Amino acid sequence: MNIRTLSYLVVFLASSSALAETTFVIDAGSSGARLFEYQYHHDTSSNSGLPVIDEEVKHRNIKGGVHTIKEANLDTYLDSLFEETKTIPDHLYFYSTAGMCVFR
C-alpha cells in the first residue's frame, strides 16, 4: 500500500466516524416505556443520504405506562430509563401510543 492510498484510507475513516450520530428513542406505551439507542451514519455513497444503523441497543424496559405517573414523579420515571446509558445522544425522540390519550 502506497502513502497516497493510505492517506485516502485515513481521511475516509476519520470522516466516516465524524459523521456518526447517536439517537435515543423512548417508546412510551400504555404498559411501560422502553429506551433504545441507535448509532448510525449517513450513507454518503449515494444521493439518498439515508441513515445506516451501525448498532441498536435496548437499555431499559419500565413497567407502567407514562399516563400512570404523577407529574411530580415524571423526572424520576424518565431518569430511571437512562440509568444504564453512558452516551450523550445527538437526538432524543419521545414516541407514545395509547397511554398518552388519557394523559392530560
PDB file of N, CA and C in Angstrom:
ATOM      1  N   MET A   1       0.861  -1.174   0.000  1.00  0.00           N
ATOM      2  CA  MET A   1       0.000   0.000   0.000  1.00  0.00           C
ATOM      3  C   MET A   1       0.902   1.230   0.000  1.00  0.00           C
ATOM      4  N   ASN A   2       0.670   2.109  -0.949  1.00  0.00           N
ATOM      5  CA  ASN A   2       1.498   3.317  -1.006  1.00  0.00           C
ATOM      6  C   ASN A   2       0.932   4.399  -0.088  1.00  0.00           C
ATOM      7  N   ILE A   3       1.691   5.451   0.096  1.00  0.00           N
ATOM      8  CA  ILE A   3       1.312   6.518   1.025  1.00  0.00           C
ATOM      9  C   ILE A   3       0.052   7.248   0.587  1.00  0.00           C
ATOM     10  N   ARG A   4      -0.151   7.380  -0.705  1.00  0.00           N
ATOM     11  CA  ARG A   4      -1.350   8.062  -1.202  1.00  0.00           C
ATOM     12  C   ARG A   4      -2.608   7.262  -0.853  1.00  0.00           C
ATOM     13  N   THR A   5      -2.581   5.953  -1.073  1.00  0.00           N
ATOM     14  CA  THR A   5      -3.718   5.095  -0.738  1.00  0.00           C
ATOM     15  C   THR A   5      -3.974   5.113   0.761  1.00  0.00           C
ATOM     16  N   LEU A   6      -2.913   5.044   1.536  1.00  0.00           N
ATOM     17  CA  LEU A   6      -3.045   5.093   2.989  1.00  0.00           C
ATOM     18  C   LEU A   6      -3.657   6.419   3.438  1.00  0.00           C
ATOM     19  N   SER A   7      -3.257   7.512   2.828  1.00  0.00           N
ATOM     20  CA  SER A   7      -3.806   8.834   3.170  1.00  0.00           C
ATOM     21  C   SER A   7      -5.305   8.884   2.898  1.00  0.00           C
ATOM     22  N   TYR A   8      -5.714   8.362   1.747  1.00  0.00           N
ATOM     23  CA  TYR A   8      -7.144   8.331   1.428  1.00  0.00           C
ATOM     24  C   TYR A   8      -7.918   7.479   2.429  1.00  0.00           C
ATOM     25  N   LEU A   9      -7.329   6.367   2.828  1.00  0.00           N
ATOM     26  CA  LEU A   9      -7.979   5.487   3.792  1.00  0.00           C
ATOM     27  C   LEU A   9      -8.158   6.188   5.133  1.00  0.00           C
ATOM     28  N   VAL A  10      -7.131   6.874   5.597  1.00  0.00           N
ATOM     29  CA  VAL A  10      -7.211   7.586   6.878  1.00  0.00           C
ATOM     30  C   VAL A  10      -8.262   8.684   6.806  1.00  0.00           C
ATOM     31  N   VAL A  11      -8.285   9.445   5.734  1.00  0.00           N
ATOM     32  CA  VAL A  11      -9.277  10.512   5.578  1.00  0.00           C
ATOM     33  C   VAL A  11     -10.681   9.926   5.552  1.00  0.00           C
ATOM     34  N   PHE A  12     -10.880   8.824   4.841  1.00  0.00           N
ATOM     35  CA  PHE A  12     -12.192   8.193   4.772  1.00  0.00           C
ATOM     36  C   PHE A  12     -12.647   7.719   6.145  1.00  0.00           C
ATOM     37  N   LEU A  13     -11.782   7.035   6.874  1.00  0.00           N
ATOM     38  CA  LEU A  13     -12.156   6.525   8.199  1.00  0.00           C
ATOM     39  C   LEU A  13     -12.429   7.665   9.176  1.00  0.00           C
ATOM     40  N   ALA A  14     -11.632   8.707   9.124  1.00  0.00           N
ATOM     41  CA  ALA A  14     -11.840   9.848  10.014  1.00  0.00           C
ATOM     42  C   ALA A  14     -13.149  10.549   9.694  1.00  0.00           C
ATOM     43  N   SER A  15     -13.437  10.727   8.408  1.00  0.00           N
ATOM     44  CA  SER A  15     -14.671  11.425   8.038  1.00  0.00           C
ATOM     45  C   SER A  15     -15.886  10.554   8.322  1.00  0.00           C
ATOM     46  N   SER A  16     -15.780   9.254   8.171  1.00  0.00           N
ATOM     47  CA  SER A  16     -16.902   8.366   8.460  1.00  0.00           C
ATOM     48  C   SER A  16     -17.251   8.385   9.933  1.00  0.00           C
ATOM     49  N   SER A  17     -16.239   8.341  10.798  1.00  0.00           N
ATOM     50  CA  SER A  17     -16.535   8.354  12.234  1.00  0.00           C
ATOM     51  C   SER A  17     -17.020   9.727  12.676  1.00  0.00           C
ATOM     52  N   ALA A  18     -16.570  10.769  12.013  1.00  0.00           N
ATOM     53  CA  ALA A  18     -17.022  12.119  12.357  1.00  0.00           C
ATOM     54  C   ALA A  18     -18.489  12.310  12.001  1.00  0.00           C
ATOM     55  N   LEU A  19     -18.976  11.557  11.026  1.00  0.00           N
ATOM     56  CA  LEU A  19     -20.364  11.672  10.605  1.00  0.00           C
ATOM     57  C   LEU A  19     -21.301  10.779  11.414  1.00  0.00           C
ATOM     58  N   ALA A  20     -20.760   9.934  12.277  1.00  0.00           N
ATOM     59  CA  ALA A  20     -21.584   9.032  13.071  1.00  0.00           C
ATOM     60  C   ALA A  20     -22.402   9.836  14.077  1.00  0.00           C
ATOM     61  N   GLU A  21     -23.615   9.387  14.305  1.00  0.00           N
ATOM     62  CA  GLU A  21     -24.502  10.051  15.255  1.00  0.00           C
ATOM     63  C   GLU A  21     -25.162   9.020  16.158  1.00  0.00           C
ATOM     64  N   THR A  22     -25.674   9.505  17.280  1.00  0.00           N
ATOM     65  CA  THR A  22     -26.392   8.657  18.226  1.00  0.00           C
ATOM     66  C   THR A  22     -27.760   9.269  18.494  1.00  0.00           C
ATOM     67  N   THR A  23     -28.786   8.444  18.429  1.00  0.00           N
ATOM     68  CA  THR A  23     -30.142   8.881  18.710  1.00  0.00           C
ATOM     69  C   THR A  23     -30.746   7.959  19.755  1.00  0.00           C
ATOM     70  N   PHE A  24     -31.427   8.544  20.735  1.00  0.00           N
ATOM     71  CA  PHE A  24     -32.200   7.774  21.697  1.00  0.00           C
ATOM     72  C   PHE A  24     -33.668   7.899  21.323  1.00  0.00           C
ATOM     73  N   VAL A  25     -34.381   6.780  21.441  1.00  0.00           N
ATOM     74  CA  VAL A  25     -35.818   6.761  21.197  1.00  0.00           C
ATOM     75  C   VAL A  25     -36.488   6.197  22.435  1.00  0.00           C
ATOM     76  N   ILE A  26     -37.415   6.975  23.003  1.00  0.00           N
ATOM     77  CA  ILE A  26     -38.240   6.484  24.114  1.00  0.00           C
ATOM     78  C   ILE A  26     -39.564   6.049  23.517  1.00  0.00           C
ATOM     79  N   ASP A  27     -39.879   4.783  23.694  1.00  0.00           N
ATOM     80  CA  ASP A  27     -41.153   4.215  23.252  1.00  0.00           C
ATOM     81  C   ASP A  27     -42.038   4.124  24.487  1.00  0.00           C
ATOM     82  N   ALA A  28     -42.915   5.097  24.652  1.00  0.00           N
ATOM     83  CA  ALA A  28     -43.769   5.179  25.839  1.00  0.00           C
ATOM     84  C   ALA A  28     -45.144   4.639  25.486  1.00  0.00           C
ATOM     85  N   GLY A  29     -45.403   3.420  25.923  1.00  0.00           N
ATOM     86  CA  GLY A  29     -46.687   2.789  25.651  1.00  0.00           C
ATOM     87  C   GLY A  29     -47.568   2.755  26.880  1.00  0.00           C
ATOM     88  N   SER A  30     -48.720   2.160  26.741  1.00  0.00           N
ATOM     89  CA  SER A  30     -49.669   2.114  27.851  1.00  0.00           C
ATOM     90  C   SER A  30     -49.226   1.145  28.953  1.00  0.00           C
ATOM     91  N   SER A  31     -48.370   0.179  28.618  1.00  0.00           N
ATOM     92  CA  SER A  31     -47.943  -0.792  29.622  1.00  0.00           C
ATOM     93  C   SER A  31     -46.551  -0.518  30.168  1.00  0.00           C
ATOM     94  N   GLY A  32     -45.823   0.405  29.558  1.00  0.00           N
ATOM     95  CA  GLY A  32     -44.474   0.701  30.025  1.00  0.00           C
ATOM     96  C   GLY A  32     -43.719   1.555  29.027  1.00  0.00           C
ATOM     97  N   ALA A  33     -42.463   1.835  29.358  1.00  0.00           N
ATOM     98  CA  ALA A  33     -41.608   2.632  28.482  1.00  0.00           C
ATOM     99  C   ALA A  33     -40.319   1.878  28.232  1.00  0.00           C
ATOM    100  N   ARG A  34     -39.797   2.030  27.031  1.00  0.00           N
ATOM    101  CA  ARG A  34     -38.570   1.374  26.640  1.00  0.00           C
ATOM    102  C   ARG A  34     -37.629   2.410  26.037  1.00  0.00           C
ATOM    103  N   LEU A  35     -36.326   2.257  26.309  1.00  0.00           N
ATOM    104  CA  LEU A  35     -35.323   3.164  25.765  1.00  0.00           C
ATOM    105  C   LEU A  35     -34.432   2.402  24.796  1.00  0.00           C
ATOM    106  N   PHE A  36     -34.341   2.920  23.574  1.00  0.00           N
ATOM    107  CA  PHE A  36     -33.486   2.340  22.544  1.00  0.00           C
ATOM    108  C   PHE A  36     -32.415   3.358  22.161  1.00  0.00           C
ATOM    109  N   GLU A  37     -31.216   2.857  21.906  1.00  0.00           N
ATOM    110  CA  GLU A  37     -30.116   3.697  21.435  1.00  0.00           C
ATOM    111  C   GLU A  37     -29.716   3.208  20.041  1.00  0.00           C
ATOM    112  N   TYR A  38     -29.634   4.147  19.114  1.00  0.00           N
ATOM    113  CA  TYR A  38     -29.221   3.821  17.751  1.00  0.00           C
ATOM    114  C   TYR A  38     -27.975   4.626  17.413  1.00  0.00           C
ATOM    115  N   GLN A  39     -26.931   3.914  16.988  1.00  0.00           N
ATOM    116  CA  GLN A  39     -25.742   4.573  16.468  1.00  0.00           C
ATOM    117  C   GLN A  39     -25.762   4.357  14.964  1.00  0.00           C
ATOM    118  N   TYR A  40     -25.581   5.420  14.216  1.00  0.00           N
ATOM    119  CA  TYR A  40     -25.723   5.328  12.771  1.00  0.00           C
ATOM    120  C   TYR A  40     -24.856   6.365  12.069  1.00  0.00           C
ATOM    121  N   HIS A  41     -24.744   6.198  10.787  1.00  0.00           N
ATOM    122  CA  HIS A  41     -24.073   7.179   9.936  1.00  0.00           C
ATOM    123  C   HIS A  41     -24.922   7.361   8.686  1.00  0.00           C
ATOM    124  N   HIS A  42     -24.716   8.458   8.004  1.00  0.00           N
ATOM    125  CA  HIS A  42     -25.463   8.719   6.777  1.00  0.00           C
ATOM    126  C   HIS A  42     -24.709   8.144   5.590  1.00  0.00           C
ATOM    127  N   ASP A  43     -25.442   7.510   4.698  1.00  0.00           N
ATOM    128  CA  ASP A  43     -24.861   6.909   3.507  1.00  0.00           C
ATOM    129  C   ASP A  43     -24.463   8.005   2.529  1.00  0.00           C
ATOM    130  N   THR A  44     -23.167   8.268   2.461  1.00  0.00           N
ATOM    131  CA  THR A  44     -22.678   9.307   1.571  1.00  0.00           C
ATOM    132  C   THR A  44     -22.301   8.759   0.198  1.00  0.00           C
ATOM    133  N   SER A  45     -22.423   7.444   0.025  1.00  0.00           N
ATOM    134  CA  SER A  45     -22.057   6.846  -1.261  1.00  0.00           C
ATOM    135  C   SER A  45     -23.164   6.993  -2.297  1.00  0.00           C
ATOM    136  N   SER A  46     -24.338   7.411  -1.861  1.00  0.00           N
ATOM    137  CA  SER A  46     -25.439   7.621  -2.805  1.00  0.00           C
ATOM    138  C   SER A  46     -26.043   9.004  -2.556  1.00  0.00           C
ATOM    139  N   ASN A  47     -26.952   9.395  -3.401  1.00  0.00           N
ATOM    140  CA  ASN A  47     -27.600  10.694  -3.247  1.00  0.00           C
ATOM    141  C   ASN A  47     -28.696  10.680  -2.197  1.00  0.00           C
ATOM    142  N   SER A  48     -29.070   9.501  -1.715  1.00  0.00           N
ATOM    143  CA  SER A  48     -30.176   9.415  -0.755  1.00  0.00           C
ATOM    144  C   SER A  48     -29.797   9.967   0.608  1.00  0.00           C
ATOM    145  N   GLY A  49     -28.558   9.741   1.049  1.00  0.00           N
ATOM    146  CA  GLY A  49     -28.119  10.222   2.347  1.00  0.00           C
ATOM    147  C   GLY A  49     -28.870   9.605   3.512  1.00  0.00           C
ATOM    148  N   LEU A  50     -29.507   8.457   3.274  1.00  0.00           N
ATOM    149  CA  LEU A  50     -30.286   7.805   4.322  1.00  0.00           C
ATOM    150  C   LEU A  50     -29.383   7.292   5.432  1.00  0.00           C
ATOM    151  N   PRO A  51     -29.883   7.284   6.670  1.00  0.00           N
ATOM    152  CA  PRO A  51     -29.062   6.760   7.763  1.00  0.00           C
ATOM    153  C   PRO A  51     -28.923   5.244   7.664  1.00  0.00           C
ATOM    154  N   VAL A  52     -27.743   4.774   8.031  1.00  0.00           N
ATOM    155  CA  VAL A  52     -27.455   3.344   8.088  1.00  0.00           C
ATOM    156  C   VAL A  52     -27.171   3.018   9.548  1.00  0.00           C
ATOM    157  N   ILE A  53     -27.972   2.142  10.134  1.00  0.00           N
ATOM    158  CA  ILE A  53     -27.818   1.806  11.555  1.00  0.00           C
ATOM    159  C   ILE A  53     -26.601   0.912  11.727  1.00  0.00           C
ATOM    160  N   ASP A  54     -25.676   1.357  12.585  1.00  0.00           N
ATOM    161  CA  ASP A  54     -24.479   0.590  12.890  1.00  0.00           C
ATOM    162  C   ASP A  54     -24.695  -0.297  14.108  1.00  0.00           C
ATOM    163  N   GLU A  55     -25.482   0.195  15.070  1.00  0.00           N
ATOM    164  CA  GLU A  55     -25.716  -0.567  16.293  1.00  0.00           C
ATOM    165  C   GLU A  55     -27.037  -0.132  16.915  1.00  0.00           C
ATOM    166  N   GLU A  56     -27.766  -1.111  17.463  1.00  0.00           N
ATOM    167  CA  GLU A  56     -29.008  -0.839  18.206  1.00  0.00           C
ATOM    168  C   GLU A  56     -28.873  -1.479  19.577  1.00  0.00           C
ATOM    169  N   VAL A  57     -29.140  -0.694  20.613  1.00  0.00           N
ATOM    170  CA  VAL A  57     -29.054  -1.194  21.984  1.00  0.00           C
ATOM    171  C   VAL A  57     -30.367  -0.894  22.681  1.00  0.00           C
ATOM    172  N   LYS A  58     -30.962  -1.917  23.306  1.00  0.00           N
ATOM    173  CA  LYS A  58     -32.155  -1.703  24.134  1.00  0.00           C
ATOM    174  C   LYS A  58     -31.669  -1.604  25.574  1.00  0.00           C
ATOM    175  N   HIS A  59     -31.906  -0.435  26.187  1.00  0.00           N
ATOM    176  CA  HIS A  59     -31.364  -0.198  27.525  1.00  0.00           C
ATOM    177  C   HIS A  59     -32.293  -0.638  28.644  1.00  0.00           C
ATOM    178  N   ARG A  60     -33.491  -0.142  28.654  1.00  0.00           N
ATOM    179  CA  ARG A  60     -34.384  -0.400  29.797  1.00  0.00           C
ATOM    180  C   ARG A  60     -35.799  -0.655  29.329  1.00  0.00           C
ATOM    181  N   ASN A  61     -36.536  -1.326  30.178  1.00  0.00           N
ATOM    182  CA  ASN A  61     -37.969  -1.529  29.986  1.00  0.00           C
ATOM    183  C   ASN A  61     -38.617  -1.308  31.350  1.00  0.00           C
ATOM    184  N   ILE A  62     -39.370  -0.238  31.486  1.00  0.00           N
ATOM    185  CA  ILE A  62     -40.016   0.097  32.760  1.00  0.00           C
ATOM    186  C   ILE A  62     -41.485  -0.246  32.669  1.00  0.00           C
ATOM    187  N   LYS A  63     -41.970  -0.949  33.672  1.00  0.00           N
ATOM    188  CA  LYS A  63     -43.393  -1.300  33.733  1.00  0.00           C
ATOM    189  C   LYS A  63     -44.205  -0.081  34.144  1.00  0.00           C
ATOM    190  N   GLY A  64     -45.401  -0.005  33.636  1.00  0.00           N
ATOM    191  CA  GLY A  64     -46.301   1.103  33.960  1.00  0.00           C
ATOM    192  C   GLY A  64     -46.218   2.195  32.918  1.00  0.00           C
ATOM    193  N   GLY A  65     -47.324   2.460  32.299  1.00  0.00           N
ATOM    194  CA  GLY A  65     -47.353   3.487  31.257  1.00  0.00           C
ATOM    195  C   GLY A  65     -47.115   4.869  31.814  1.00  0.00           C
ATOM    196  N   VAL A  66     -46.640   5.763  30.968  1.00  0.00           N
ATOM    197  CA  VAL A  66     -46.339   7.119  31.405  1.00  0.00           C
ATOM    198  C   VAL A  66     -47.604   7.830  31.892  1.00  0.00           C
ATOM    199  N   HIS A  67     -48.752   7.420  31.414  1.00  0.00           N
ATOM    200  CA  HIS A  67     -50.006   8.055  31.847  1.00  0.00           C
ATOM    201  C   HIS A  67     -50.350   7.723  33.301  1.00  0.00           C
ATOM    202  N   THR A  68     -49.710   6.695  33.877  1.00  0.00           N
ATOM    203  CA  THR A  68     -49.981   6.322  35.270  1.00  0.00           C
ATOM    204  C   THR A  68     -49.088   7.078  36.250  1.00  0.00           C
ATOM    205  N   ILE A  69     -48.119   7.831  35.746  1.00  0.00           N
ATOM    206  CA  ILE A  69     -47.151   8.525  36.590  1.00  0.00           C
ATOM    207  C   ILE A  69     -47.661   9.928  36.928  1.00  0.00           C
ATOM    208  N   LYS A  70     -47.586  10.270  38.206  1.00  0.00           N
ATOM    209  CA  LYS A  70     -47.963  11.624  38.620  1.00  0.00           C
ATOM    210  C   LYS A  70     -46.910  12.606  38.108  1.00  0.00           C
ATOM    211  N   GLU A  71     -47.345  13.801  37.797  1.00  0.00           N
ATOM    212  CA  GLU A  71     -46.444  14.806  37.224  1.00  0.00           C
ATOM    213  C   GLU A  71     -45.219  15.044  38.103  1.00  0.00           C
ATOM    214  N   ALA A  72     -45.386  15.009  39.422  1.00  0.00           N
ATOM    215  CA  ALA A  72     -44.273  15.233  40.343  1.00  0.00           C
ATOM    216  C   ALA A  72     -43.223  14.128  40.244  1.00  0.00           C
ATOM    217  N   ASN A  73     -43.609  12.936  39.773  1.00  0.00           N
ATOM    218  CA  ASN A  73     -42.695  11.794  39.680  1.00  0.00           C
ATOM    219  C   ASN A  73     -42.183  11.546  38.266  1.00  0.00           C
ATOM    220  N   LEU A  74     -42.541  12.393  37.324  1.00  0.00           N
ATOM    221  CA  LEU A  74     -42.176  12.173  35.925  1.00  0.00           C
ATOM    222  C   LEU A  74     -40.657  12.220  35.708  1.00  0.00           C
ATOM    223  N   ASP A  75     -39.955  13.128  36.390  1.00  0.00           N
ATOM    224  CA  ASP A  75     -38.495  13.189  36.258  1.00  0.00           C
ATOM    225  C   ASP A  75     -37.842  11.886  36.710  1.00  0.00           C
ATOM    226  N   THR A  76     -38.287  11.351  37.835  1.00  0.00           N
ATOM    227  CA  THR A  76     -37.740  10.097  38.353  1.00  0.00           C
ATOM    228  C   THR A  76     -38.015   8.947  37.392  1.00  0.00           C
ATOM    229  N   TYR A  77     -39.221   8.917  36.846  1.00  0.00           N
ATOM    230  CA  TYR A  77     -39.614   7.887  35.877  1.00  0.00           C
ATOM    231  C   TYR A  77     -38.692   7.916  34.659  1.00  0.00           C
ATOM    232  N   LEU A  78     -38.486   9.110  34.097  1.00  0.00           N
ATOM    233  CA  LEU A  78     -37.633   9.233  32.909  1.00  0.00           C
ATOM    234  C   LEU A  78     -36.154   9.018  33.244  1.00  0.00           C
ATOM    235  N   ASP A  79     -35.700   9.494  34.407  1.00  0.00           N
ATOM    236  CA  ASP A  79     -34.307   9.280  34.814  1.00  0.00           C
ATOM    237  C   ASP A  79     -33.987   7.791  34.915  1.00  0.00           C
ATOM    238  N   SER A  80     -34.942   6.993  35.384  1.00  0.00           N
ATOM    239  CA  SER A  80     -34.696   5.557  35.528  1.00  0.00           C
ATOM    240  C   SER A  80     -34.494   4.885  34.168  1.00  0.00           C
ATOM    241  N   LEU A  81     -35.055   5.455  33.120  1.00  0.00           N
ATOM    242  CA  LEU A  81     -34.826   4.912  31.777  1.00  0.00           C
ATOM    243  C   LEU A  81     -33.360   5.055  31.362  1.00  0.00           C
ATOM    244  N   PHE A  82     -32.712   6.123  31.808  1.00  0.00           N
ATOM    245  CA  PHE A  82     -31.364   6.452  31.361  1.00  0.00           C
ATOM    246  C   PHE A  82     -30.269   5.959  32.302  1.00  0.00           C
ATOM    247  N   GLU A  83     -30.609   5.158  33.322  1.00  0.00           N
ATOM    248  CA  GLU A  83     -29.621   4.704  34.309  1.00  0.00           C
ATOM    249  C   GLU A  83     -28.435   3.977  33.684  1.00  0.00           C
ATOM    250  N   GLU A  84     -28.668   3.154  32.680  1.00  0.00           N
ATOM    251  CA  GLU A  84     -27.616   2.314  32.109  1.00  0.00           C
ATOM    252  C   GLU A  84     -26.812   3.002  31.013  1.00  0.00           C
ATOM    253  N   THR A  85     -27.237   4.155  30.570  1.00  0.00           N
ATOM    254  CA  THR A  85     -26.579   4.788  29.433  1.00  0.00           C
ATOM    255  C   THR A  85     -25.345   5.566  29.854  1.00  0.00           C
ATOM    256  N   LYS A  86     -24.375   5.574  28.971  1.00  0.00           N
ATOM    257  CA  LYS A  86     -23.169   6.366  29.190  1.00  0.00           C
ATOM    258  C   LYS A  86     -22.974   7.358  28.055  1.00  0.00           C
ATOM    259  N   THR A  87     -23.864   7.302  27.083  1.00  0.00           N
ATOM    260  CA  THR A  87     -23.757   8.115  25.880  1.00  0.00           C
ATOM    261  C   THR A  87     -24.630   9.358  25.986  1.00  0.00           C
ATOM    262  N   ILE A  88     -24.137  10.447  25.478  1.00  0.00           N
ATOM    263  CA  ILE A  88     -24.959  11.653  25.341  1.00  0.00           C
ATOM    264  C   ILE A  88     -25.437  11.671  23.891  1.00  0.00           C
ATOM    265  N   PRO A  89     -26.742  11.592  23.690  1.00  0.00           N
ATOM    266  CA  PRO A  89     -27.238  11.480  22.316  1.00  0.00           C
ATOM    267  C   PRO A  89     -27.198  12.801  21.559  1.00  0.00           C
ATOM    268  N   ASP A  90     -27.122  12.674  20.241  1.00  0.00           N
ATOM    269  CA  ASP A  90     -27.253  13.844  19.377  1.00  0.00           C
ATOM    270  C   ASP A  90     -28.720  14.232  19.233  1.00  0.00           C
ATOM    271  N   HIS A  91     -29.599  13.226  19.344  1.00  0.00           N
ATOM    272  CA  HIS A  91     -31.040  13.435  19.180  1.00  0.00           C
ATOM    273  C   HIS A  91     -31.783  12.565  20.189  1.00  0.00           C
ATOM    274  N   LEU A  92     -32.947  13.043  20.623  1.00  0.00           N
ATOM    275  CA  LEU A  92     -33.814  12.284  21.529  1.00  0.00           C
ATOM    276  C   LEU A  92     -35.247  12.416  21.028  1.00  0.00           C
ATOM    277  N   TYR A  93     -35.894  11.269  20.833  1.00  0.00           N
ATOM    278  CA  TYR A  93     -37.276  11.260  20.356  1.00  0.00           C
ATOM    279  C   TYR A  93     -38.144  10.538  21.380  1.00  0.00           C
ATOM    280  N   PHE A  94     -39.308  11.100  21.626  1.00  0.00           N
ATOM    281  CA  PHE A  94     -40.277  10.533  22.563  1.00  0.00           C
ATOM    282  C   PHE A  94     -41.521  10.152  21.769  1.00  0.00           C
ATOM    283  N   TYR A  95     -41.737   8.853  21.628  1.00  0.00           N
ATOM    284  CA  TYR A  95     -42.906   8.360  20.908  1.00  0.00           C
ATOM    285  C   TYR A  95     -43.855   7.707  21.895  1.00  0.00           C
ATOM    286  N   SER A  96     -45.129   8.003  21.750  1.00  0.00           N
ATOM    287  CA  SER A  96     -46.113   7.427  22.660  1.00  0.00           C
ATOM    288  C   SER A  96     -47.268   6.843  21.863  1.00  0.00           C
ATOM    289  N   THR A  97     -47.951   5.928  22.518  1.00  0.00           N
ATOM    290  CA  THR A  97     -49.098   5.277  21.878  1.00  0.00           C
ATOM    291  C   THR A  97     -50.332   5.489  22.745  1.00  0.00           C
ATOM    292  N   ALA A  98     -51.108   4.475  22.911  1.00  0.00           N
ATOM    293  CA  ALA A  98     -52.419   4.586  23.571  1.00  0.00           C
ATOM    294  C   ALA A  98     -52.359   5.185  24.968  1.00  0.00           C
ATOM    295  N   GLY A  99     -51.243   5.016  25.677  1.00  0.00           N
ATOM    296  CA  GLY A  99     -51.150   5.535  27.037  1.00  0.00           C
ATOM    297  C   GLY A  99     -51.264   7.040  27.126  1.00  0.00           C
ATOM    298  N   MET A 100     -50.920   7.726  26.056  1.00  0.00           N
ATOM    299  CA  MET A 100     -50.956   9.185  26.073  1.00  0.00           C
ATOM    300  C   MET A 100     -52.357   9.754  25.892  1.00  0.00           C
ATOM    301  N   CYS A 101     -53.294   8.973  25.372  1.00  0.00           N
ATOM    302  CA  CYS A 101     -54.626   9.531  25.128  1.00  0.00           C
ATOM    303  C   CYS A 101     -55.353   9.863  26.443  1.00  0.00           C
ATOM    304  N   VAL A 102     -54.921   9.270  27.567  1.00  0.00           N
ATOM    305  CA  VAL A 102     -55.557   9.595  28.842  1.00  0.00           C
ATOM    306  C   VAL A 102     -54.692  10.533  29.674  1.00  0.00           C
ATOM    307  N   PHE A 103     -53.517  10.894  29.158  1.00  0.00           N
ATOM    308  CA  PHE A 103     -52.574  11.768  29.867  1.00  0.00           C
ATOM    309  C   PHE A 103     -52.988  13.224  29.611  1.00  0.00           C
ATOM    310  N   ARG A 104     -53.412  13.921  30.646  1.00  0.00           N
ATOM    311  CA  ARG A 104     -53.872  15.303  30.474  1.00  0.00           C
ATOM    312  C   ARG A 104     -53.206  16.212  31.471  1.00  0.00           C
TER     313      ARG A 104
END
